[in-house]
């Protein structure tokens, strides 16, 4: 039973409707996330190797978690590289003769 005082949003995952409790200010983000998840689930379903919705959802979640971790690793590597470049630039400027 849902609490009528809590705002909800309806999303669709693999052609099935779900009602999710969601504050109005987060509705657009939830809908965007649901579209992303639905595309991932549709892709797995289209391959035809997995038909159970729960297994499709788990595989999609694992794929999305992998994407997230790869992106975080790339961002951290970029930040380290930028930090190293900044340090080299500062050393070069400090070693440069003054005019």
Protein backbone atom coordinates (compact mmCIF):
# COMPACT_ATOMS: atom_id res chain seq x y z
CA UNK A 1 0.00 0.00 0.00
CA UNK A 2 1.40 3.41 -0.92
CA UNK A 3 1.27 6.48 1.27
CA UNK A 4 -0.90 9.02 -0.58
CA UNK A 5 1.04 11.93 0.97
CA UNK A 6 4.31 10.83 -0.68
CA UNK A 7 4.80 12.01 -4.26
CA UNK A 8 5.43 9.25 -6.76
CA UNK A 9 6.70 8.90 -10.30
CA UNK A 10 5.81 6.18 -12.76
CA UNK A 11 8.67 4.64 -14.73
CA UNK A 12 8.83 1.86 -17.30
CA UNK A 13 11.46 -0.87 -17.27
CA UNK A 14 11.37 -3.58 -19.88
CA UNK A 15 7.78 -2.65 -20.77
CA UNK A 16 6.58 -2.98 -17.17
CA UNK A 17 5.31 0.00 -15.17
CA UNK A 18 6.64 0.78 -11.69
CA UNK A 19 5.52 3.49 -9.28
CA UNK A 20 8.44 4.92 -7.33
CA UNK A 21 8.29 7.32 -4.38
CA UNK A 22 10.19 10.38 -5.51
CA UNK A 23 10.27 14.05 -4.47
CA UNK A 24 9.19 16.34 -7.33
CA UNK A 25 12.62 18.01 -7.51
CA UNK A 26 14.23 14.62 -8.25
CA UNK A 27 11.63 13.40 -10.76
CA UNK A 28 13.57 14.40 -13.89
CA UNK A 29 16.74 12.68 -12.63
CA UNK A 30 14.79 9.52 -11.76
CA UNK A 31 13.16 9.45 -15.19
CA UNK A 32 16.54 9.92 -16.87
CA UNK A 33 18.06 7.10 -14.81
CA UNK A 34 15.07 4.87 -15.60
CA UNK A 35 15.47 5.51 -19.36
CA UNK A 36 19.17 4.64 -19.11
CA UNK A 37 18.42 1.45 -17.17
CA UNK A 38 15.60 0.51 -19.53
CA UNK A 39 17.92 0.86 -22.56
CA UNK A 40 20.49 -1.35 -20.82
CA UNK A 41 17.84 -3.94 -19.97
CA UNK A 42 16.37 -3.81 -23.49
CA UNK A 43 19.84 -4.43 -24.93
CA UNK A 44 20.36 -7.51 -22.78
CA UNK A 45 16.84 -8.75 -23.51
CA UNK A 46 17.34 -8.25 -27.27
CA UNK A 47 20.32 -10.59 -27.23
CA UNK A 48 17.85 -13.32 -26.33
CA UNK A 49 20.22 -15.22 -24.04
CA UNK A 50 18.49 -14.10 -20.82
CA UNK A 51 14.72 -13.90 -20.45
CA UNK A 52 14.18 -13.69 -16.68
CA UNK A 53 13.53 -10.02 -15.74
CA UNK A 54 15.41 -10.33 -12.47
CA UNK A 55 18.51 -11.70 -14.18
CA UNK A 56 18.28 -9.02 -16.87
CA UNK A 57 18.05 -6.35 -14.16
CA UNK A 58 21.06 -7.79 -12.32
CA UNK A 59 23.13 -7.97 -15.51
CA UNK A 60 22.17 -4.40 -16.42
CA UNK A 61 23.05 -3.20 -12.91
CA UNK A 62 26.44 -4.92 -13.09
CA UNK A 63 27.14 -3.40 -16.52
CA UNK A 64 26.17 0.08 -15.30
CA UNK A 65 28.27 -0.33 -12.14
CA UNK A 66 31.21 -1.35 -14.32
CA UNK A 67 30.72 1.75 -16.51
CA UNK A 68 30.58 3.95 -13.42
CA UNK A 69 33.76 2.48 -11.93
CA UNK A 70 35.61 2.78 -15.25
CA UNK A 71 34.54 6.43 -15.52
CA UNK A 72 35.64 7.12 -11.93
CA UNK A 73 39.01 5.47 -12.58
CA UNK A 74 39.49 7.54 -15.74
CA UNK A 75 38.56 10.75 -13.89
CA UNK A 76 41.00 9.98 -11.08
CA UNK A 77 43.76 9.21 -13.59
CA UNK A 78 43.01 12.49 -15.37
CA UNK A 79 43.13 14.39 -12.09
CA UNK A 80 46.49 12.80 -11.21
CA UNK A 81 47.85 13.60 -14.65
CA UNK A 82 46.65 17.18 -14.39
CA UNK A 83 48.20 17.46 -10.92
CA UNK A 84 51.53 16.14 -12.22
CA UNK A 85 51.44 18.53 -15.16
CA UNK A 86 50.64 21.44 -12.85
CA UNK A 87 53.54 20.52 -10.56
CA UNK A 88 55.94 20.31 -13.54
CA UNK A 89 54.74 23.68 -14.78
CA UNK A 90 55.22 25.26 -11.36
CA UNK A 91 58.77 23.82 -11.13
CA UNK A 92 59.57 25.09 -14.63
CA UNK A 93 58.29 28.55 -13.79
CA UNK A 94 60.20 28.59 -10.52
CA UNK A 95 63.42 27.54 -12.31
CA UNK A 96 62.99 30.06 -15.14
CA UNK A 97 65.22 33.14 -14.95
CA UNK A 98 63.46 36.31 -13.89
CA UNK A 99 63.32 39.16 -16.39
